[in-house]
């Protein structure tokens, strides 16, 4: 038998990262994988003790529901070795979406390295003032306009762009808390008639699990 497994399924990359941040900051859990479906849904899988997983998932679900999102959570106390190949998704790339749909965290890259002067990022990951921002839309034109506006509004760095299926696209930015908040708000205002705004949120001092799953940007 394997260690306890916690499962959290939610719609949208933004909501999944908010949920993971809440889980990490509530209990001693560790994300092991993130997997997309083709309808904008994301399934996070994490390990920890049963009590930690239950507490963390409850906190994550409460946060998602506060933003009127739907969230399914579940804990398997003793996952079967026989069932594991169907539980843990293999590395997978979909030509249809032109992107990977299974992601494994890189905790080594997420660990704080050096000080702000040594970091290639705008804000060192060890800095307490760091924030991650998300602008998620349905439609390319909207997200392109949103991220262009966001970057013009302040000193932020684009970490990546993720396709989720169903027309969902998320851009991820990093910077200090004030700059990211201003950038996300400016970007959200520009979506308008160009597409559908799915979400726009900021995570201040993102958890290690969130940083481990995010795109790392250009080096």
N, C-alpha and C. Protein backbone atom coordinates (compact mmCIF):
# COMPACT_ATOMS: atom_id res chain seq x y z
N UNK A 1 0.84 -1.20 0.00
CA UNK A 1 0.00 0.00 0.00
C UNK A 1 0.87 1.26 0.00
N UNK A 2 0.38 2.28 -0.61
CA UNK A 2 1.09 3.54 -0.72
C UNK A 2 0.63 4.53 0.36
N UNK A 3 1.36 5.64 0.54
CA UNK A 3 0.96 6.65 1.52
C UNK A 3 -0.39 7.25 1.17
N UNK A 4 -1.07 7.88 2.13
CA UNK A 4 -2.36 8.50 1.86
C UNK A 4 -2.30 9.47 0.68
N UNK A 5 -3.39 9.52 -0.05
CA UNK A 5 -3.48 10.36 -1.23
C UNK A 5 -4.66 11.31 -1.10
N UNK A 6 -4.39 12.59 -1.34
CA UNK A 6 -5.45 13.58 -1.36
C UNK A 6 -5.69 14.04 -2.78
N UNK A 7 -6.95 14.17 -3.17
CA UNK A 7 -7.31 14.57 -4.53
C UNK A 7 -8.18 15.81 -4.46
N UNK A 8 -7.85 16.78 -5.30
CA UNK A 8 -8.63 18.01 -5.40
C UNK A 8 -8.85 18.30 -6.88
N UNK A 9 -10.10 18.42 -7.26
CA UNK A 9 -10.43 18.68 -8.67
C UNK A 9 -11.23 19.97 -8.76
N UNK A 10 -10.78 20.87 -9.62
CA UNK A 10 -11.39 22.19 -9.72
C UNK A 10 -11.27 22.67 -11.15
N UNK A 11 -12.06 23.66 -11.51
CA UNK A 11 -12.03 24.19 -12.88
C UNK A 11 -11.13 25.42 -12.93
N UNK A 12 -10.13 25.38 -13.83
CA UNK A 12 -9.29 26.54 -14.04
C UNK A 12 -7.96 26.47 -13.30
N UNK A 13 -6.90 26.92 -13.97
CA UNK A 13 -5.57 26.94 -13.36
C UNK A 13 -5.52 27.89 -12.17
N UNK A 14 -6.15 29.05 -12.31
CA UNK A 14 -6.12 30.02 -11.23
C UNK A 14 -6.71 29.45 -9.95
N UNK A 15 -7.90 28.87 -10.04
CA UNK A 15 -8.53 28.30 -8.86
C UNK A 15 -7.72 27.14 -8.29
N UNK A 16 -7.08 26.36 -9.17
CA UNK A 16 -6.29 25.23 -8.68
C UNK A 16 -5.08 25.72 -7.88
N UNK A 17 -4.46 26.81 -8.32
CA UNK A 17 -3.30 27.34 -7.60
C UNK A 17 -3.71 28.02 -6.29
N UNK A 18 -4.84 28.69 -6.29
CA UNK A 18 -5.36 29.25 -5.04
C UNK A 18 -5.67 28.14 -4.04
N UNK A 19 -6.27 27.06 -4.54
CA UNK A 19 -6.60 25.93 -3.68
C UNK A 19 -5.35 25.27 -3.13
N UNK A 20 -4.34 25.08 -3.99
CA UNK A 20 -3.09 24.46 -3.55
C UNK A 20 -2.39 25.33 -2.52
N UNK A 21 -2.41 26.63 -2.72
CA UNK A 21 -1.79 27.54 -1.76
C UNK A 21 -2.46 27.41 -0.39
N UNK A 22 -3.78 27.34 -0.39
CA UNK A 22 -4.52 27.19 0.87
C UNK A 22 -4.21 25.85 1.53
N UNK A 23 -4.15 24.80 0.73
CA UNK A 23 -3.83 23.46 1.26
C UNK A 23 -2.45 23.46 1.91
N UNK A 24 -1.46 24.00 1.20
CA UNK A 24 -0.09 24.02 1.70
C UNK A 24 0.04 24.83 2.99
N UNK A 25 -0.66 25.95 3.05
CA UNK A 25 -0.52 26.85 4.19
C UNK A 25 -1.35 26.41 5.39
N UNK A 26 -2.22 25.41 5.18
CA UNK A 26 -3.04 24.90 6.28
C UNK A 26 -2.43 23.67 6.92
N UNK A 27 -1.82 22.82 6.12
CA UNK A 27 -1.36 21.52 6.64
C UNK A 27 -0.06 21.11 5.95
N UNK A 28 0.57 20.11 6.52
CA UNK A 28 1.85 19.60 6.00
C UNK A 28 1.58 18.57 4.91
N UNK A 29 1.32 19.06 3.71
CA UNK A 29 1.04 18.20 2.57
C UNK A 29 2.04 18.52 1.46
N UNK A 30 2.11 17.63 0.49
CA UNK A 30 3.05 17.82 -0.62
C UNK A 30 2.39 17.39 -1.92
N UNK A 31 2.28 18.31 -2.86
CA UNK A 31 1.67 17.99 -4.15
C UNK A 31 2.61 17.08 -4.93
N UNK A 32 2.07 16.08 -5.60
CA UNK A 32 2.89 15.17 -6.39
C UNK A 32 2.59 15.25 -7.88
N UNK A 33 1.45 15.84 -8.24
CA UNK A 33 1.10 15.87 -9.65
C UNK A 33 -0.11 16.77 -9.89
N UNK A 34 -0.14 17.36 -11.08
CA UNK A 34 -1.30 18.11 -11.55
C UNK A 34 -1.64 17.59 -12.93
N UNK A 35 -2.92 17.33 -13.16
CA UNK A 35 -3.34 16.74 -14.44
C UNK A 35 -4.55 17.46 -14.99
N UNK A 36 -4.51 17.80 -16.28
CA UNK A 36 -5.60 18.50 -16.93
C UNK A 36 -6.57 17.54 -17.58
N UNK A 37 -7.86 17.95 -17.65
CA UNK A 37 -8.75 17.28 -18.58
C UNK A 37 -8.93 18.21 -19.77
N UNK A 38 -9.82 17.92 -20.69
CA UNK A 38 -9.92 18.75 -21.89
C UNK A 38 -11.03 19.79 -21.79
N UNK A 39 -11.52 20.04 -20.58
CA UNK A 39 -12.61 20.99 -20.39
C UNK A 39 -12.25 22.08 -19.39
N UNK A 40 -10.95 22.35 -19.24
CA UNK A 40 -10.54 23.39 -18.31
C UNK A 40 -10.43 22.95 -16.87
N UNK A 41 -10.61 21.66 -16.62
CA UNK A 41 -10.52 21.15 -15.26
C UNK A 41 -9.12 20.70 -14.92
N UNK A 42 -8.76 20.79 -13.63
CA UNK A 42 -7.45 20.38 -13.16
C UNK A 42 -7.62 19.51 -11.92
N UNK A 43 -6.89 18.40 -11.90
CA UNK A 43 -6.90 17.49 -10.76
C UNK A 43 -5.52 17.55 -10.09
N UNK A 44 -5.49 17.98 -8.84
CA UNK A 44 -4.26 18.00 -8.05
C UNK A 44 -4.22 16.76 -7.17
N UNK A 45 -3.03 16.16 -7.06
CA UNK A 45 -2.84 14.99 -6.21
C UNK A 45 -1.74 15.31 -5.21
N UNK A 46 -1.98 15.00 -3.94
CA UNK A 46 -1.03 15.36 -2.89
C UNK A 46 -0.90 14.22 -1.89
N UNK A 47 0.21 14.21 -1.17
CA UNK A 47 0.42 13.22 -0.11
C UNK A 47 0.57 13.93 1.23
N UNK A 48 0.44 13.15 2.29
CA UNK A 48 0.54 13.65 3.65
C UNK A 48 -0.17 12.68 4.57
N UNK A 49 -0.27 12.99 5.83
CA UNK A 49 -1.07 12.14 6.71
C UNK A 49 -2.54 12.35 6.39
N UNK A 50 -3.37 11.41 6.78
CA UNK A 50 -4.80 11.53 6.52
C UNK A 50 -5.35 12.80 7.15
N UNK A 51 -4.96 13.08 8.39
CA UNK A 51 -5.48 14.26 9.09
C UNK A 51 -5.02 15.55 8.40
N UNK A 52 -3.75 15.59 7.97
CA UNK A 52 -3.27 16.78 7.27
C UNK A 52 -3.98 16.97 5.95
N UNK A 53 -4.16 15.90 5.20
CA UNK A 53 -4.85 15.99 3.92
C UNK A 53 -6.29 16.45 4.11
N UNK A 54 -6.97 15.91 5.09
CA UNK A 54 -8.36 16.30 5.33
C UNK A 54 -8.46 17.77 5.71
N UNK A 55 -7.55 18.23 6.57
CA UNK A 55 -7.58 19.64 6.98
C UNK A 55 -7.22 20.56 5.82
N UNK A 56 -6.19 20.19 5.06
CA UNK A 56 -5.76 21.01 3.94
C UNK A 56 -6.80 21.09 2.84
N UNK A 57 -7.40 19.96 2.51
CA UNK A 57 -8.41 19.94 1.45
C UNK A 57 -9.67 20.69 1.87
N UNK A 58 -10.02 20.61 3.15
CA UNK A 58 -11.19 21.36 3.63
C UNK A 58 -10.96 22.86 3.49
N UNK A 59 -9.75 23.31 3.82
CA UNK A 59 -9.42 24.73 3.69
C UNK A 59 -9.43 25.15 2.22
N UNK A 60 -8.88 24.30 1.36
CA UNK A 60 -8.84 24.61 -0.07
C UNK A 60 -10.25 24.69 -0.65
N UNK A 61 -11.10 23.76 -0.29
CA UNK A 61 -12.47 23.76 -0.80
C UNK A 61 -13.24 24.99 -0.33
N UNK A 62 -13.03 25.35 0.91
CA UNK A 62 -13.71 26.53 1.46
C UNK A 62 -13.31 27.79 0.68
N UNK A 63 -12.02 27.90 0.35
CA UNK A 63 -11.56 29.06 -0.40
C UNK A 63 -12.16 29.10 -1.80
N UNK A 64 -12.14 27.96 -2.49
CA UNK A 64 -12.70 27.91 -3.86
C UNK A 64 -14.18 28.28 -3.84
N UNK A 65 -14.91 27.76 -2.87
CA UNK A 65 -16.35 28.04 -2.80
C UNK A 65 -16.61 29.51 -2.46
N UNK A 66 -15.67 30.16 -1.77
CA UNK A 66 -15.82 31.58 -1.47
C UNK A 66 -15.80 32.41 -2.75
N UNK A 67 -15.10 31.89 -3.76
CA UNK A 67 -15.06 32.56 -5.07
C UNK A 67 -16.10 31.97 -6.02
N UNK A 68 -17.09 31.26 -5.47
CA UNK A 68 -18.19 30.68 -6.25
C UNK A 68 -17.72 29.61 -7.23
N UNK A 69 -16.62 28.94 -6.90
CA UNK A 69 -16.14 27.85 -7.73
C UNK A 69 -16.59 26.50 -7.21
N UNK A 70 -16.56 25.51 -8.08
CA UNK A 70 -16.90 24.14 -7.69
C UNK A 70 -15.62 23.37 -7.42
N UNK A 71 -15.61 22.59 -6.35
CA UNK A 71 -14.41 21.88 -5.96
C UNK A 71 -14.78 20.51 -5.40
N UNK A 72 -14.13 19.48 -5.92
CA UNK A 72 -14.33 18.12 -5.42
C UNK A 72 -13.05 17.68 -4.71
N UNK A 73 -13.18 17.20 -3.49
CA UNK A 73 -12.01 16.73 -2.75
C UNK A 73 -12.27 15.32 -2.22
N UNK A 74 -11.18 14.57 -2.03
CA UNK A 74 -11.31 13.20 -1.53
C UNK A 74 -9.97 12.73 -0.99
N UNK A 75 -10.00 11.88 0.04
CA UNK A 75 -8.79 11.30 0.61
C UNK A 75 -8.89 9.78 0.54
N UNK A 76 -7.84 9.15 0.00
CA UNK A 76 -7.73 7.69 0.01
C UNK A 76 -6.64 7.35 1.01
N UNK A 77 -7.01 6.71 2.10
CA UNK A 77 -6.07 6.46 3.19
C UNK A 77 -4.94 5.52 2.79
N UNK A 78 -5.26 4.49 2.02
CA UNK A 78 -4.24 3.50 1.63
C UNK A 78 -4.42 3.13 0.16
N UNK A 79 -3.88 3.93 -0.75
CA UNK A 79 -4.03 3.62 -2.18
C UNK A 79 -3.43 2.27 -2.53
N UNK A 80 -4.11 1.54 -3.37
CA UNK A 80 -3.65 0.22 -3.80
C UNK A 80 -2.49 0.33 -4.78
N UNK A 81 -1.48 -0.49 -4.59
CA UNK A 81 -0.37 -0.55 -5.55
C UNK A 81 -0.88 -0.95 -6.94
N UNK A 82 -1.85 -1.84 -6.98
CA UNK A 82 -2.39 -2.30 -8.25
C UNK A 82 -3.10 -1.18 -8.99
N UNK A 83 -3.77 -0.31 -8.24
CA UNK A 83 -4.52 0.79 -8.86
C UNK A 83 -3.64 1.97 -9.23
N UNK A 84 -2.44 2.03 -8.67
CA UNK A 84 -1.61 3.22 -8.83
C UNK A 84 -1.32 3.62 -10.28
N UNK A 85 -1.06 2.68 -11.20
CA UNK A 85 -0.82 3.10 -12.59
C UNK A 85 -1.97 3.89 -13.20
N UNK A 86 -3.19 3.69 -12.70
CA UNK A 86 -4.33 4.44 -13.20
C UNK A 86 -4.56 5.74 -12.42
N UNK A 87 -3.90 5.85 -11.26
CA UNK A 87 -4.04 7.05 -10.43
C UNK A 87 -3.01 8.10 -10.82
N UNK A 88 -1.77 7.68 -10.95
CA UNK A 88 -0.69 8.60 -11.32
C UNK A 88 -0.57 8.66 -12.83
N UNK A 89 -0.84 9.83 -13.39
CA UNK A 89 -0.76 9.98 -14.83
C UNK A 89 0.68 10.00 -15.32
N UNK A 90 0.96 9.36 -16.44
CA UNK A 90 2.31 9.41 -17.02
C UNK A 90 2.53 10.74 -17.72
N UNK A 91 3.77 11.03 -18.06
CA UNK A 91 4.05 12.23 -18.86
C UNK A 91 3.23 12.14 -20.14
N UNK A 92 2.51 13.20 -20.45
CA UNK A 92 1.62 13.15 -21.61
C UNK A 92 1.55 14.51 -22.30
N UNK A 93 1.62 14.48 -23.61
CA UNK A 93 1.53 15.69 -24.44
C UNK A 93 0.38 15.50 -25.42
N UNK A 94 -0.47 16.51 -25.55
CA UNK A 94 -1.58 16.40 -26.49
C UNK A 94 -1.34 17.30 -27.70
N UNK A 95 -1.24 16.72 -28.90
CA UNK A 95 -1.05 17.52 -30.11
C UNK A 95 -2.23 18.45 -30.37
N UNK A 96 -3.43 18.05 -29.94
CA UNK A 96 -4.62 18.86 -30.18
C UNK A 96 -4.51 20.22 -29.49
N UNK A 97 -4.07 20.20 -28.22
CA UNK A 97 -3.92 21.44 -27.46
C UNK A 97 -2.51 22.01 -27.56
N UNK A 98 -1.60 21.22 -28.14
CA UNK A 98 -0.19 21.60 -28.27
C UNK A 98 0.42 21.96 -26.93
N UNK A 99 0.20 21.10 -25.94
CA UNK A 99 0.75 21.34 -24.61
C UNK A 99 0.76 20.04 -23.82
N UNK A 100 1.53 20.04 -22.74
CA UNK A 100 1.51 18.91 -21.81
C UNK A 100 0.23 18.98 -21.00
N UNK A 101 -0.24 17.82 -20.55
CA UNK A 101 -1.44 17.82 -19.72
C UNK A 101 -1.20 17.17 -18.36
N UNK A 102 0.01 16.69 -18.13
CA UNK A 102 0.39 16.15 -16.82
C UNK A 102 1.64 16.88 -16.36
N UNK A 103 1.62 17.41 -15.14
CA UNK A 103 2.72 18.21 -14.63
C UNK A 103 3.22 17.64 -13.30
N UNK A 104 4.53 17.59 -13.16
CA UNK A 104 5.16 17.13 -11.93
C UNK A 104 5.88 18.30 -11.27
N UNK A 105 5.74 18.47 -9.97
CA UNK A 105 6.37 19.62 -9.30
C UNK A 105 7.89 19.51 -9.29
N UNK A 106 8.53 20.65 -9.38
CA UNK A 106 9.99 20.74 -9.28
C UNK A 106 10.31 21.48 -7.98
N UNK A 107 10.41 20.72 -6.89
CA UNK A 107 10.64 21.34 -5.58
C UNK A 107 12.05 21.92 -5.47
N UNK A 108 12.98 21.37 -6.19
CA UNK A 108 14.34 21.90 -6.15
C UNK A 108 14.39 23.30 -6.74
N UNK A 109 13.70 23.49 -7.86
CA UNK A 109 13.66 24.81 -8.48
C UNK A 109 12.86 25.79 -7.64
N UNK A 110 11.90 25.28 -6.86
CA UNK A 110 11.04 26.16 -6.06
C UNK A 110 11.71 26.62 -4.78
N UNK A 111 12.78 25.95 -4.35
CA UNK A 111 13.46 26.31 -3.12
C UNK A 111 14.14 27.67 -3.28
N UNK A 112 14.11 28.51 -2.24
CA UNK A 112 14.78 29.81 -2.32
C UNK A 112 16.26 29.64 -2.66
N UNK A 113 16.76 30.44 -3.59
CA UNK A 113 18.15 30.35 -4.00
C UNK A 113 18.76 31.74 -4.03
N UNK A 114 19.71 31.99 -3.15
CA UNK A 114 20.41 33.26 -3.15
C UNK A 114 19.56 34.40 -2.65
N UNK A 115 20.04 35.63 -2.84
CA UNK A 115 19.29 36.80 -2.43
C UNK A 115 18.75 37.52 -3.66
N UNK A 116 18.05 38.62 -3.41
CA UNK A 116 17.38 39.30 -4.52
C UNK A 116 18.37 39.80 -5.56
N UNK A 117 19.57 40.17 -5.13
CA UNK A 117 20.55 40.68 -6.07
C UNK A 117 21.07 39.59 -6.99
N UNK A 118 21.05 38.33 -6.51
CA UNK A 118 21.57 37.23 -7.29
C UNK A 118 20.52 36.61 -8.19
N UNK A 119 19.24 36.89 -7.92
CA UNK A 119 18.16 36.24 -8.66
C UNK A 119 18.01 36.84 -10.04
N UNK A 120 17.71 36.00 -11.04
CA UNK A 120 17.44 36.48 -12.38
C UNK A 120 16.01 37.00 -12.50
N UNK A 121 15.16 36.65 -11.54
CA UNK A 121 13.78 37.10 -11.55
C UNK A 121 13.71 38.53 -11.04
N UNK A 122 12.58 39.19 -11.32
CA UNK A 122 12.38 40.54 -10.82
C UNK A 122 12.37 40.52 -9.30
N UNK A 123 11.76 39.51 -8.72
CA UNK A 123 11.70 39.37 -7.27
C UNK A 123 12.23 38.01 -6.90
N UNK A 124 13.14 37.94 -5.94
CA UNK A 124 13.67 36.66 -5.50
C UNK A 124 12.56 35.84 -4.88
N UNK A 125 12.55 34.54 -5.12
CA UNK A 125 11.54 33.66 -4.55
C UNK A 125 11.64 33.57 -3.03
N UNK A 126 12.77 33.99 -2.47
CA UNK A 126 12.92 33.98 -1.02
C UNK A 126 12.40 35.27 -0.39
N UNK A 127 11.99 36.24 -1.21
CA UNK A 127 11.53 37.53 -0.73
C UNK A 127 10.10 37.42 -0.23
N UNK A 128 9.84 37.91 0.99
CA UNK A 128 8.49 37.84 1.55
C UNK A 128 7.49 38.70 0.79
N UNK A 129 7.98 39.60 -0.05
CA UNK A 129 7.09 40.50 -0.78
C UNK A 129 6.72 39.97 -2.16
N UNK A 130 7.16 38.77 -2.50
CA UNK A 130 6.88 38.23 -3.82
C UNK A 130 5.39 37.87 -3.96
N UNK A 131 4.88 38.02 -5.16
CA UNK A 131 3.50 37.63 -5.45
C UNK A 131 3.44 37.02 -6.84
N UNK A 132 2.47 36.14 -7.02
CA UNK A 132 2.19 35.53 -8.32
C UNK A 132 0.79 35.98 -8.73
N UNK A 133 0.67 36.42 -9.98
CA UNK A 133 -0.64 36.86 -10.48
C UNK A 133 -1.12 36.00 -11.63
N UNK A 134 -2.42 35.82 -11.72
CA UNK A 134 -3.04 35.01 -12.77
C UNK A 134 -4.12 35.82 -13.47
N UNK A 135 -4.10 35.79 -14.80
CA UNK A 135 -5.22 36.30 -15.58
C UNK A 135 -5.66 35.17 -16.49
N UNK A 136 -6.88 34.73 -16.31
CA UNK A 136 -7.39 33.56 -17.03
C UNK A 136 -8.60 33.98 -17.86
N UNK A 137 -8.56 33.68 -19.16
CA UNK A 137 -9.65 34.06 -20.05
C UNK A 137 -10.09 32.88 -20.90
N UNK A 138 -11.18 33.08 -21.58
CA UNK A 138 -11.60 32.14 -22.62
C UNK A 138 -11.47 32.90 -23.93
N UNK A 139 -10.39 32.62 -24.66
CA UNK A 139 -10.13 33.34 -25.90
C UNK A 139 -8.74 33.95 -25.91
N UNK A 140 -8.03 33.80 -27.04
CA UNK A 140 -6.66 34.29 -27.17
C UNK A 140 -6.58 35.81 -27.20
N UNK A 141 -7.46 36.45 -27.98
CA UNK A 141 -7.37 37.90 -28.11
C UNK A 141 -7.46 38.59 -26.76
N UNK A 142 -8.37 38.11 -25.94
CA UNK A 142 -8.56 38.71 -24.62
C UNK A 142 -7.32 38.56 -23.74
N UNK A 143 -6.73 37.39 -23.76
CA UNK A 143 -5.57 37.17 -22.88
C UNK A 143 -4.35 37.93 -23.38
N UNK A 144 -4.20 38.07 -24.70
CA UNK A 144 -3.07 38.83 -25.24
C UNK A 144 -3.19 40.30 -24.86
N UNK A 145 -4.38 40.86 -25.02
CA UNK A 145 -4.59 42.26 -24.64
C UNK A 145 -4.40 42.44 -23.13
N UNK A 146 -4.89 41.47 -22.35
CA UNK A 146 -4.80 41.58 -20.89
C UNK A 146 -3.35 41.55 -20.42
N UNK A 147 -2.55 40.65 -20.96
CA UNK A 147 -1.17 40.55 -20.49
C UNK A 147 -0.34 41.73 -20.98
N UNK A 148 -0.63 42.24 -22.17
CA UNK A 148 0.08 43.42 -22.67
C UNK A 148 -0.19 44.61 -21.75
N UNK A 149 -1.44 44.78 -21.39
CA UNK A 149 -1.81 45.88 -20.49
C UNK A 149 -1.19 45.68 -19.11
N UNK A 150 -1.21 44.46 -18.62
CA UNK A 150 -0.66 44.16 -17.30
C UNK A 150 0.82 44.51 -17.24
N UNK A 151 1.56 44.10 -18.26
CA UNK A 151 3.01 44.34 -18.26
C UNK A 151 3.35 45.82 -18.40
N UNK A 152 2.49 46.58 -19.07
CA UNK A 152 2.73 48.01 -19.21
C UNK A 152 2.40 48.78 -17.94
N UNK A 153 1.66 48.13 -17.03
CA UNK A 153 1.21 48.84 -15.83
C UNK A 153 2.21 48.79 -14.70
N UNK A 154 3.22 47.92 -14.77
CA UNK A 154 4.17 47.83 -13.66
C UNK A 154 5.31 46.89 -13.95
N UNK A 155 6.22 46.80 -13.00
CA UNK A 155 7.43 45.99 -13.13
C UNK A 155 7.14 44.53 -12.77
N UNK A 156 6.65 43.77 -13.75
CA UNK A 156 6.33 42.37 -13.53
C UNK A 156 7.00 41.51 -14.60
N UNK A 157 7.14 40.26 -14.30
CA UNK A 157 7.77 39.29 -15.20
C UNK A 157 6.74 38.23 -15.60
N UNK A 158 6.67 37.90 -16.88
CA UNK A 158 5.78 36.83 -17.33
C UNK A 158 6.47 35.49 -17.10
N UNK A 159 5.83 34.63 -16.33
CA UNK A 159 6.38 33.30 -16.07
C UNK A 159 5.94 32.29 -17.12
N UNK A 160 4.78 32.48 -17.70
CA UNK A 160 4.35 31.53 -18.72
C UNK A 160 2.90 31.72 -19.11
N UNK A 161 2.50 30.95 -20.10
CA UNK A 161 1.12 30.92 -20.59
C UNK A 161 0.71 29.46 -20.68
N UNK A 162 -0.43 29.14 -20.11
CA UNK A 162 -0.89 27.75 -20.08
C UNK A 162 -2.24 27.60 -20.77
N UNK A 163 -2.35 26.59 -21.63
CA UNK A 163 -3.63 26.23 -22.25
C UNK A 163 -4.28 25.16 -21.40
N UNK A 164 -5.60 25.26 -21.23
CA UNK A 164 -6.31 24.31 -20.38
C UNK A 164 -7.38 23.52 -21.11
N UNK A 165 -7.59 23.80 -22.38
CA UNK A 165 -8.70 23.18 -23.09
C UNK A 165 -9.95 24.00 -22.95
N UNK A 166 -10.91 23.77 -23.82
CA UNK A 166 -12.16 24.51 -23.76
C UNK A 166 -11.98 26.00 -24.02
N UNK A 167 -10.85 26.38 -24.64
CA UNK A 167 -10.58 27.79 -24.90
C UNK A 167 -10.00 28.53 -23.73
N UNK A 168 -9.78 27.85 -22.59
CA UNK A 168 -9.22 28.49 -21.41
C UNK A 168 -7.72 28.71 -21.60
N UNK A 169 -7.27 29.92 -21.32
CA UNK A 169 -5.85 30.26 -21.39
C UNK A 169 -5.51 31.11 -20.16
N UNK A 170 -4.40 30.79 -19.52
CA UNK A 170 -3.98 31.52 -18.32
C UNK A 170 -2.57 32.05 -18.51
N UNK A 171 -2.38 33.33 -18.20
CA UNK A 171 -1.03 33.88 -18.15
C UNK A 171 -0.66 34.10 -16.69
N UNK A 172 0.61 33.83 -16.38
CA UNK A 172 1.10 33.89 -15.01
C UNK A 172 2.22 34.91 -14.94
N UNK A 173 2.13 35.84 -13.98
CA UNK A 173 3.15 36.87 -13.82
C UNK A 173 3.69 36.85 -12.40
N UNK A 174 4.86 37.46 -12.24
CA UNK A 174 5.50 37.54 -10.93
C UNK A 174 6.06 38.94 -10.72
N UNK A 175 6.09 39.36 -9.47
CA UNK A 175 6.66 40.66 -9.11
C UNK A 175 6.41 40.91 -7.65
N UNK A 176 6.63 42.16 -7.20
CA UNK A 176 6.28 42.44 -5.81
C UNK A 176 4.77 42.56 -5.71
N UNK A 177 4.25 42.46 -4.50
CA UNK A 177 2.81 42.37 -4.28
C UNK A 177 2.06 43.54 -4.93
N UNK A 178 2.53 44.76 -4.68
CA UNK A 178 1.83 45.94 -5.21
C UNK A 178 1.82 45.95 -6.73
N UNK A 179 2.96 45.62 -7.34
CA UNK A 179 3.05 45.64 -8.80
C UNK A 179 2.16 44.58 -9.43
N UNK A 180 2.12 43.40 -8.84
CA UNK A 180 1.30 42.31 -9.40
C UNK A 180 -0.18 42.63 -9.25
N UNK A 181 -0.57 43.16 -8.10
CA UNK A 181 -1.98 43.52 -7.91
C UNK A 181 -2.41 44.56 -8.94
N UNK A 182 -1.57 45.57 -9.15
CA UNK A 182 -1.91 46.62 -10.12
C UNK A 182 -1.98 46.05 -11.53
N UNK A 183 -1.04 45.16 -11.86
CA UNK A 183 -0.99 44.57 -13.20
C UNK A 183 -2.22 43.71 -13.47
N UNK A 184 -2.59 42.88 -12.50
CA UNK A 184 -3.75 42.00 -12.68
C UNK A 184 -5.02 42.82 -12.83
N UNK A 185 -5.20 43.84 -12.00
CA UNK A 185 -6.39 44.67 -12.10
C UNK A 185 -6.46 45.38 -13.45
N UNK A 186 -5.32 45.90 -13.91
CA UNK A 186 -5.29 46.57 -15.21
C UNK A 186 -5.62 45.60 -16.33
N UNK A 187 -5.07 44.40 -16.26
CA UNK A 187 -5.32 43.40 -17.29
C UNK A 187 -6.77 42.95 -17.32
N UNK A 188 -7.37 42.77 -16.15
CA UNK A 188 -8.77 42.34 -16.07
C UNK A 188 -9.69 43.35 -16.73
N UNK A 189 -9.41 44.62 -16.55
CA UNK A 189 -10.27 45.67 -17.10
C UNK A 189 -10.27 45.68 -18.63
N UNK A 190 -9.23 45.13 -19.23
CA UNK A 190 -9.10 45.17 -20.69
C UNK A 190 -9.76 43.99 -21.40
N UNK A 191 -10.20 42.99 -20.65
CA UNK A 191 -10.77 41.80 -21.30
C UNK A 191 -12.06 42.17 -22.01
N UNK A 192 -13.01 42.73 -21.28
CA UNK A 192 -14.23 43.28 -21.85
C UNK A 192 -14.87 42.45 -22.94
N UNK A 193 -15.11 43.09 -24.09
CA UNK A 193 -15.79 42.44 -25.21
C UNK A 193 -14.86 41.56 -26.03
N UNK A 194 -13.57 41.50 -25.67
CA UNK A 194 -12.62 40.70 -26.44
C UNK A 194 -12.71 39.22 -26.12
N UNK A 195 -13.28 38.88 -25.00
CA UNK A 195 -13.38 37.49 -24.58
C UNK A 195 -14.05 37.41 -23.22
N UNK A 196 -13.92 36.27 -22.58
CA UNK A 196 -14.56 36.04 -21.28
C UNK A 196 -13.49 35.98 -20.20
N UNK A 197 -13.63 36.82 -19.18
CA UNK A 197 -12.73 36.75 -18.04
C UNK A 197 -13.15 35.61 -17.13
N UNK A 198 -12.29 34.62 -16.99
CA UNK A 198 -12.58 33.49 -16.11
C UNK A 198 -12.14 33.81 -14.69
N UNK A 199 -10.94 34.35 -14.54
CA UNK A 199 -10.43 34.67 -13.21
C UNK A 199 -9.26 35.63 -13.31
N UNK A 200 -9.08 36.40 -12.26
CA UNK A 200 -7.90 37.25 -12.12
C UNK A 200 -7.59 37.37 -10.64
N UNK A 201 -6.51 36.75 -10.21
CA UNK A 201 -6.21 36.72 -8.77
C UNK A 201 -4.72 36.85 -8.52
N UNK A 202 -4.39 37.20 -7.29
CA UNK A 202 -3.01 37.35 -6.85
C UNK A 202 -2.77 36.48 -5.63
N UNK A 203 -1.67 35.75 -5.62
CA UNK A 203 -1.26 34.99 -4.44
C UNK A 203 0.00 35.64 -3.89
N UNK A 204 -0.12 36.24 -2.71
CA UNK A 204 1.05 36.83 -2.05
C UNK A 204 1.81 35.73 -1.32
N UNK A 205 3.13 35.77 -1.39
CA UNK A 205 3.99 34.78 -0.75
C UNK A 205 3.50 33.36 -1.07
N UNK A 206 3.49 32.98 -2.35
CA UNK A 206 2.98 31.66 -2.74
C UNK A 206 3.72 30.53 -2.05
N UNK A 207 2.99 29.47 -1.76
CA UNK A 207 3.58 28.31 -1.08
C UNK A 207 4.59 27.61 -1.97
N UNK A 208 5.39 26.76 -1.36
CA UNK A 208 6.40 26.01 -2.10
C UNK A 208 5.76 25.13 -3.16
N UNK A 209 4.63 24.52 -2.84
CA UNK A 209 3.95 23.67 -3.80
C UNK A 209 3.49 24.43 -5.04
N UNK A 210 2.98 25.65 -4.83
CA UNK A 210 2.56 26.48 -5.96
C UNK A 210 3.76 26.82 -6.82
N UNK A 211 4.85 27.25 -6.20
CA UNK A 211 6.04 27.60 -6.96
C UNK A 211 6.60 26.39 -7.71
N UNK A 212 6.48 25.21 -7.13
CA UNK A 212 7.02 24.00 -7.75
C UNK A 212 6.26 23.61 -9.01
N UNK A 213 5.00 24.00 -9.11
CA UNK A 213 4.19 23.62 -10.28
C UNK A 213 4.11 24.70 -11.34
N UNK A 214 4.50 25.92 -11.00
CA UNK A 214 4.37 27.00 -11.96
C UNK A 214 5.47 26.95 -13.02
N UNK A 215 5.18 27.51 -14.22
CA UNK A 215 6.24 27.67 -15.21
C UNK A 215 7.28 28.62 -14.63
N UNK A 216 8.55 28.42 -15.02
CA UNK A 216 9.64 29.17 -14.40
C UNK A 216 10.11 30.38 -15.22
N UNK A 217 9.53 30.58 -16.41
CA UNK A 217 9.90 31.74 -17.20
C UNK A 217 11.22 31.53 -17.92
N UNK A 218 11.64 32.54 -18.63
CA UNK A 218 12.88 32.46 -19.41
C UNK A 218 14.08 32.67 -18.50
N UNK A 219 15.16 31.92 -18.77
CA UNK A 219 16.40 32.07 -17.99
C UNK A 219 17.45 32.81 -18.83
